[in-house]
């Protein structure tokens, strides 16, 4: 959600300057999708973005453990699902392109788990 907010902000800056928005509006407004199946949307398999972002903020940015994230009031199954996705996708972050750092915790530099990392769930 923060990336969408930043994209909208950047387009507003361009509009105030009379420039063409640098970020295509359809990439901000269309629901994210992995495009693995017809009409598939990420929200079909993920928790609502407000919940997902809050769990990711606690787990990744604030570096809280599973029990601490659950103690914030999140559903145990949802926390386990999200943290499992994050931990199992560690290898993907190693291959990702360099991008802007938009929080206090950047993947690759600030958050590094061994690719063979296997949490006890």
N, C-alpha and C. Protein backbone atom coordinates (compact mmCIF):
# COMPACT_ATOMS: atom_id res chain seq x y z
N UNK A 1 0.81 -1.17 0.00
CA UNK A 1 0.00 0.00 0.00
C UNK A 1 0.87 1.26 0.00
N UNK A 2 2.02 1.19 0.66
CA UNK A 2 2.92 2.34 0.69
C UNK A 2 3.45 2.65 -0.72
N UNK A 3 3.76 1.61 -1.48
CA UNK A 3 4.26 1.82 -2.84
C UNK A 3 3.20 2.50 -3.69
N UNK A 4 1.94 2.09 -3.55
CA UNK A 4 0.87 2.76 -4.30
C UNK A 4 0.76 4.22 -3.89
N UNK A 5 0.85 4.47 -2.58
CA UNK A 5 0.77 5.84 -2.08
C UNK A 5 1.92 6.68 -2.64
N UNK A 6 3.12 6.12 -2.66
CA UNK A 6 4.27 6.83 -3.22
C UNK A 6 4.10 7.08 -4.72
N UNK A 7 3.54 6.10 -5.43
CA UNK A 7 3.32 6.25 -6.87
C UNK A 7 2.31 7.37 -7.14
N UNK A 8 1.24 7.40 -6.38
CA UNK A 8 0.24 8.47 -6.54
C UNK A 8 0.86 9.83 -6.24
N UNK A 9 1.64 9.89 -5.17
CA UNK A 9 2.32 11.14 -4.79
C UNK A 9 3.24 11.61 -5.91
N UNK A 10 3.99 10.67 -6.47
CA UNK A 10 4.92 11.05 -7.55
C UNK A 10 4.17 11.58 -8.77
N UNK A 11 3.06 10.95 -9.10
CA UNK A 11 2.25 11.42 -10.22
C UNK A 11 1.64 12.79 -9.94
N UNK A 12 1.26 13.05 -8.68
CA UNK A 12 0.73 14.37 -8.32
C UNK A 12 1.78 15.45 -8.50
N UNK A 13 3.01 15.15 -8.12
CA UNK A 13 4.12 16.10 -8.30
C UNK A 13 4.27 16.42 -9.78
N UNK A 14 4.25 15.40 -10.62
CA UNK A 14 4.38 15.61 -12.07
C UNK A 14 3.22 16.45 -12.59
N UNK A 15 2.01 16.16 -12.14
CA UNK A 15 0.83 16.90 -12.61
C UNK A 15 0.94 18.37 -12.22
N UNK A 16 1.42 18.67 -11.03
CA UNK A 16 1.59 20.06 -10.60
C UNK A 16 2.60 20.80 -11.47
N UNK A 17 3.55 20.07 -12.02
CA UNK A 17 4.57 20.67 -12.89
C UNK A 17 4.13 20.69 -14.35
N UNK A 18 2.93 20.14 -14.62
CA UNK A 18 2.45 20.08 -15.99
C UNK A 18 3.11 18.97 -16.80
N UNK A 19 3.71 18.01 -16.14
CA UNK A 19 4.40 16.89 -16.80
C UNK A 19 3.47 15.69 -16.92
N UNK A 20 3.81 14.80 -17.80
CA UNK A 20 3.09 13.53 -17.91
C UNK A 20 3.43 12.69 -16.68
N UNK A 21 2.42 12.08 -16.06
CA UNK A 21 2.71 11.23 -14.90
C UNK A 21 3.70 10.13 -15.27
N UNK A 22 4.79 9.98 -14.52
CA UNK A 22 5.80 8.98 -14.86
C UNK A 22 5.37 7.54 -14.58
N UNK A 23 4.37 7.36 -13.73
CA UNK A 23 3.93 6.01 -13.37
C UNK A 23 2.55 5.79 -13.98
N UNK A 24 2.41 4.80 -14.85
CA UNK A 24 1.10 4.56 -15.48
C UNK A 24 0.01 4.35 -14.43
N UNK A 25 -1.08 5.07 -14.60
CA UNK A 25 -2.17 5.01 -13.64
C UNK A 25 -2.72 3.58 -13.53
N UNK A 26 -2.77 2.85 -14.65
CA UNK A 26 -3.31 1.49 -14.58
C UNK A 26 -2.45 0.57 -13.72
N UNK A 27 -1.17 0.87 -13.57
CA UNK A 27 -0.33 0.04 -12.70
C UNK A 27 -0.59 0.34 -11.23
N UNK A 28 -1.23 1.47 -10.96
CA UNK A 28 -1.58 1.82 -9.58
C UNK A 28 -3.00 1.37 -9.26
N UNK A 29 -3.90 1.54 -10.21
CA UNK A 29 -5.32 1.31 -9.97
C UNK A 29 -5.77 -0.14 -10.17
N UNK A 30 -5.14 -0.86 -11.08
CA UNK A 30 -5.53 -2.26 -11.32
C UNK A 30 -5.07 -3.14 -10.17
N UNK A 31 -5.90 -4.08 -9.76
CA UNK A 31 -5.49 -4.97 -8.67
C UNK A 31 -4.28 -5.82 -9.08
N UNK A 32 -3.31 -5.98 -8.18
CA UNK A 32 -2.14 -6.80 -8.48
C UNK A 32 -2.53 -8.24 -8.78
N UNK A 33 -1.78 -8.84 -9.69
CA UNK A 33 -2.05 -10.22 -10.06
C UNK A 33 -0.76 -10.88 -10.51
N UNK A 34 -0.65 -12.14 -10.17
CA UNK A 34 0.52 -12.93 -10.58
C UNK A 34 0.38 -13.36 -12.03
N UNK A 35 -0.84 -13.32 -12.56
CA UNK A 35 -1.13 -13.70 -13.94
C UNK A 35 -0.74 -15.14 -14.26
N UNK A 36 -0.93 -16.00 -13.29
CA UNK A 36 -0.66 -17.41 -13.50
C UNK A 36 -1.90 -18.14 -14.00
N UNK A 37 -3.08 -17.58 -13.68
CA UNK A 37 -4.35 -18.13 -14.15
C UNK A 37 -5.20 -16.97 -14.67
N UNK A 38 -6.12 -17.23 -15.58
CA UNK A 38 -6.99 -16.16 -16.06
C UNK A 38 -7.79 -15.55 -14.91
N UNK A 39 -7.87 -14.24 -14.91
CA UNK A 39 -8.63 -13.47 -13.92
C UNK A 39 -8.18 -13.68 -12.48
N UNK A 40 -6.99 -14.19 -12.28
CA UNK A 40 -6.46 -14.37 -10.93
C UNK A 40 -6.02 -13.01 -10.37
N UNK A 41 -6.34 -12.75 -9.12
CA UNK A 41 -5.88 -11.56 -8.43
C UNK A 41 -5.15 -12.00 -7.16
N UNK A 42 -4.15 -11.23 -6.77
CA UNK A 42 -3.39 -11.58 -5.57
C UNK A 42 -4.29 -11.70 -4.34
N UNK A 43 -5.31 -10.85 -4.27
CA UNK A 43 -6.19 -10.86 -3.11
C UNK A 43 -7.04 -12.12 -3.02
N UNK A 44 -7.03 -12.94 -4.08
CA UNK A 44 -7.76 -14.21 -4.02
C UNK A 44 -7.12 -15.17 -3.01
N UNK A 45 -5.83 -15.03 -2.78
CA UNK A 45 -5.12 -15.96 -1.90
C UNK A 45 -4.44 -15.28 -0.72
N UNK A 46 -4.40 -13.95 -0.71
CA UNK A 46 -3.74 -13.22 0.37
C UNK A 46 -4.76 -12.58 1.29
N UNK A 47 -4.36 -12.27 2.53
CA UNK A 47 -5.26 -11.52 3.40
C UNK A 47 -5.46 -10.11 2.84
N UNK A 48 -6.46 -9.38 3.33
CA UNK A 48 -6.64 -7.99 2.88
C UNK A 48 -5.33 -7.21 3.06
N UNK A 49 -5.06 -6.30 2.13
CA UNK A 49 -3.78 -5.59 2.15
C UNK A 49 -3.52 -4.84 3.45
N UNK A 50 -4.54 -4.31 4.09
CA UNK A 50 -4.34 -3.60 5.34
C UNK A 50 -3.75 -4.54 6.40
N UNK A 51 -4.27 -5.76 6.45
CA UNK A 51 -3.76 -6.75 7.40
C UNK A 51 -2.40 -7.26 6.97
N UNK A 52 -2.27 -7.57 5.69
CA UNK A 52 -0.99 -8.06 5.16
C UNK A 52 0.13 -7.05 5.42
N UNK A 53 -0.12 -5.78 5.12
CA UNK A 53 0.90 -4.75 5.33
C UNK A 53 1.27 -4.61 6.80
N UNK A 54 0.28 -4.69 7.67
CA UNK A 54 0.56 -4.56 9.10
C UNK A 54 1.40 -5.73 9.61
N UNK A 55 1.09 -6.93 9.15
CA UNK A 55 1.89 -8.11 9.55
C UNK A 55 3.30 -7.99 8.99
N UNK A 56 3.42 -7.61 7.73
CA UNK A 56 4.75 -7.46 7.13
C UNK A 56 5.56 -6.38 7.83
N UNK A 57 4.91 -5.29 8.20
CA UNK A 57 5.61 -4.23 8.93
C UNK A 57 6.15 -4.76 10.25
N UNK A 58 5.33 -5.49 10.97
CA UNK A 58 5.76 -6.04 12.26
C UNK A 58 6.87 -7.07 12.08
N UNK A 59 6.69 -7.99 11.14
CA UNK A 59 7.61 -9.11 10.98
C UNK A 59 8.92 -8.70 10.30
N UNK A 60 8.81 -7.89 9.27
CA UNK A 60 10.01 -7.54 8.49
C UNK A 60 10.63 -6.23 8.97
N UNK A 61 9.86 -5.16 8.94
CA UNK A 61 10.42 -3.84 9.25
C UNK A 61 10.79 -3.72 10.72
N UNK A 62 9.91 -4.17 11.60
CA UNK A 62 10.18 -4.06 13.03
C UNK A 62 10.90 -5.27 13.59
N UNK A 63 11.07 -6.30 12.75
CA UNK A 63 11.84 -7.49 13.10
C UNK A 63 11.26 -8.23 14.32
N UNK A 64 9.94 -8.25 14.43
CA UNK A 64 9.30 -8.98 15.52
C UNK A 64 9.18 -10.45 15.16
N UNK A 65 9.26 -11.30 16.14
CA UNK A 65 9.10 -12.73 15.93
C UNK A 65 7.63 -13.09 15.81
N UNK A 66 7.39 -14.33 15.44
CA UNK A 66 6.03 -14.84 15.23
C UNK A 66 5.12 -14.57 16.43
N UNK A 67 5.56 -14.94 17.61
CA UNK A 67 4.73 -14.77 18.82
C UNK A 67 4.43 -13.30 19.08
N UNK A 68 5.41 -12.44 18.84
CA UNK A 68 5.20 -11.00 19.05
C UNK A 68 4.19 -10.44 18.06
N UNK A 69 4.24 -10.91 16.82
CA UNK A 69 3.28 -10.45 15.82
C UNK A 69 1.87 -10.91 16.21
N UNK A 70 1.74 -12.14 16.63
CA UNK A 70 0.44 -12.66 17.06
C UNK A 70 -0.08 -11.86 18.26
N UNK A 71 0.82 -11.50 19.18
CA UNK A 71 0.40 -10.76 20.37
C UNK A 71 -0.13 -9.36 20.04
N UNK A 72 0.12 -8.89 18.82
CA UNK A 72 -0.43 -7.60 18.40
C UNK A 72 -1.91 -7.70 18.03
N UNK A 73 -2.43 -8.95 18.04
CA UNK A 73 -3.85 -9.14 17.79
C UNK A 73 -4.19 -9.78 16.46
N UNK A 74 -3.18 -10.24 15.75
CA UNK A 74 -3.42 -10.88 14.46
C UNK A 74 -3.74 -12.36 14.64
N UNK A 75 -4.54 -12.88 13.73
CA UNK A 75 -4.92 -14.28 13.71
C UNK A 75 -3.69 -15.15 13.52
N UNK A 76 -3.56 -16.20 14.34
CA UNK A 76 -2.38 -17.07 14.29
C UNK A 76 -2.19 -17.69 12.91
N UNK A 77 -3.26 -18.20 12.31
CA UNK A 77 -3.13 -18.83 10.98
C UNK A 77 -2.68 -17.82 9.93
N UNK A 78 -3.18 -16.60 10.01
CA UNK A 78 -2.79 -15.57 9.04
C UNK A 78 -1.32 -15.21 9.22
N UNK A 79 -0.89 -15.05 10.46
CA UNK A 79 0.52 -14.73 10.72
C UNK A 79 1.41 -15.86 10.22
N UNK A 80 1.04 -17.11 10.51
CA UNK A 80 1.84 -18.24 10.04
C UNK A 80 1.90 -18.28 8.51
N UNK A 81 0.78 -18.02 7.86
CA UNK A 81 0.72 -18.02 6.40
C UNK A 81 1.65 -16.95 5.82
N UNK A 82 1.54 -15.73 6.33
CA UNK A 82 2.32 -14.61 5.80
C UNK A 82 3.81 -14.79 6.09
N UNK A 83 4.16 -15.17 7.30
CA UNK A 83 5.58 -15.33 7.62
C UNK A 83 6.20 -16.48 6.85
N UNK A 84 5.42 -17.52 6.60
CA UNK A 84 5.91 -18.63 5.79
C UNK A 84 6.19 -18.17 4.35
N UNK A 85 5.29 -17.36 3.80
CA UNK A 85 5.51 -16.83 2.45
C UNK A 85 6.79 -15.99 2.39
N UNK A 86 6.98 -15.14 3.39
CA UNK A 86 8.16 -14.28 3.44
C UNK A 86 9.43 -15.13 3.54
N UNK A 87 9.43 -16.06 4.47
CA UNK A 87 10.63 -16.87 4.69
C UNK A 87 10.95 -17.77 3.49
N UNK A 88 9.94 -18.32 2.86
CA UNK A 88 10.19 -19.22 1.73
C UNK A 88 10.56 -18.46 0.46
N UNK A 89 10.34 -17.17 0.43
CA UNK A 89 10.67 -16.38 -0.76
C UNK A 89 12.02 -15.66 -0.62
N UNK A 90 12.78 -16.00 0.39
CA UNK A 90 14.06 -15.33 0.62
C UNK A 90 14.95 -15.39 -0.62
N UNK A 91 14.99 -16.51 -1.28
CA UNK A 91 15.85 -16.66 -2.46
C UNK A 91 15.43 -15.70 -3.58
N UNK A 92 14.16 -15.36 -3.67
CA UNK A 92 13.69 -14.43 -4.71
C UNK A 92 14.26 -13.03 -4.49
N UNK A 93 14.36 -12.63 -3.23
CA UNK A 93 14.88 -11.29 -2.93
C UNK A 93 16.34 -11.18 -3.32
N UNK A 94 17.06 -12.28 -3.27
CA UNK A 94 18.47 -12.25 -3.66
C UNK A 94 18.62 -11.99 -5.15
N UNK A 95 17.59 -12.35 -5.92
CA UNK A 95 17.65 -12.21 -7.37
C UNK A 95 16.96 -10.94 -7.86
N UNK A 96 16.30 -10.24 -6.96
CA UNK A 96 15.53 -9.07 -7.35
C UNK A 96 16.40 -7.91 -7.77
N UNK A 97 15.83 -7.07 -8.60
CA UNK A 97 16.54 -5.88 -9.06
C UNK A 97 16.65 -4.87 -7.91
N UNK A 98 17.65 -4.04 -7.98
CA UNK A 98 17.83 -2.99 -6.99
C UNK A 98 16.69 -1.99 -7.15
N UNK A 99 16.17 -1.55 -6.04
CA UNK A 99 15.09 -0.56 -6.07
C UNK A 99 15.25 0.41 -4.93
N UNK A 100 14.35 1.37 -4.85
CA UNK A 100 14.45 2.36 -3.78
C UNK A 100 14.13 1.76 -2.42
N UNK A 101 14.79 2.25 -1.42
CA UNK A 101 14.53 1.82 -0.04
C UNK A 101 13.45 2.75 0.50
N UNK A 102 12.29 2.19 0.86
CA UNK A 102 11.17 3.02 1.29
C UNK A 102 10.81 2.81 2.75
N UNK A 103 11.60 2.05 3.46
CA UNK A 103 11.38 1.86 4.90
C UNK A 103 12.74 1.76 5.58
N UNK A 104 12.70 1.64 6.88
CA UNK A 104 13.94 1.51 7.63
C UNK A 104 14.61 0.16 7.49
N UNK A 105 13.93 -0.78 6.85
CA UNK A 105 14.47 -2.14 6.70
C UNK A 105 14.45 -2.52 5.22
N UNK A 106 15.62 -2.69 4.65
CA UNK A 106 15.71 -3.07 3.25
C UNK A 106 16.08 -4.54 3.13
N UNK A 107 15.40 -5.24 2.21
CA UNK A 107 15.79 -6.62 1.95
C UNK A 107 17.17 -6.62 1.31
N UNK A 108 17.97 -7.59 1.66
CA UNK A 108 19.28 -7.71 1.05
C UNK A 108 20.37 -7.07 1.88
N UNK A 109 20.11 -5.88 2.39
CA UNK A 109 21.14 -5.21 3.17
C UNK A 109 20.85 -5.31 4.66
N UNK A 110 19.63 -4.95 5.04
CA UNK A 110 19.27 -4.92 6.45
C UNK A 110 18.65 -6.23 6.92
N UNK A 111 17.97 -6.92 6.05
CA UNK A 111 17.32 -8.19 6.42
C UNK A 111 17.93 -9.27 5.55
N UNK A 112 18.75 -10.08 6.16
CA UNK A 112 19.39 -11.15 5.42
C UNK A 112 19.21 -12.46 6.18
N UNK A 113 18.52 -13.38 5.56
CA UNK A 113 18.38 -14.72 6.11
C UNK A 113 19.11 -15.67 5.18
N UNK A 114 19.71 -16.71 5.71
CA UNK A 114 20.32 -17.70 4.81
C UNK A 114 19.24 -18.29 3.90
N UNK A 115 19.58 -18.56 2.67
CA UNK A 115 18.61 -19.11 1.73
C UNK A 115 18.09 -20.44 2.23
N UNK A 116 18.88 -21.15 2.99
CA UNK A 116 18.45 -22.46 3.50
C UNK A 116 17.72 -22.33 4.83
N UNK A 117 17.43 -21.12 5.26
CA UNK A 117 16.74 -20.87 6.52
C UNK A 117 15.42 -21.61 6.56
N UNK A 118 15.14 -22.26 7.67
CA UNK A 118 13.89 -23.00 7.81
C UNK A 118 13.35 -22.74 9.22
N UNK A 119 12.35 -21.85 9.31
CA UNK A 119 11.83 -21.54 10.64
C UNK A 119 11.08 -22.72 11.24
N UNK A 120 11.01 -22.73 12.54
CA UNK A 120 10.25 -23.77 13.25
C UNK A 120 8.82 -23.30 13.38
N UNK A 121 7.94 -23.81 12.52
CA UNK A 121 6.53 -23.42 12.58
C UNK A 121 5.70 -24.56 13.09
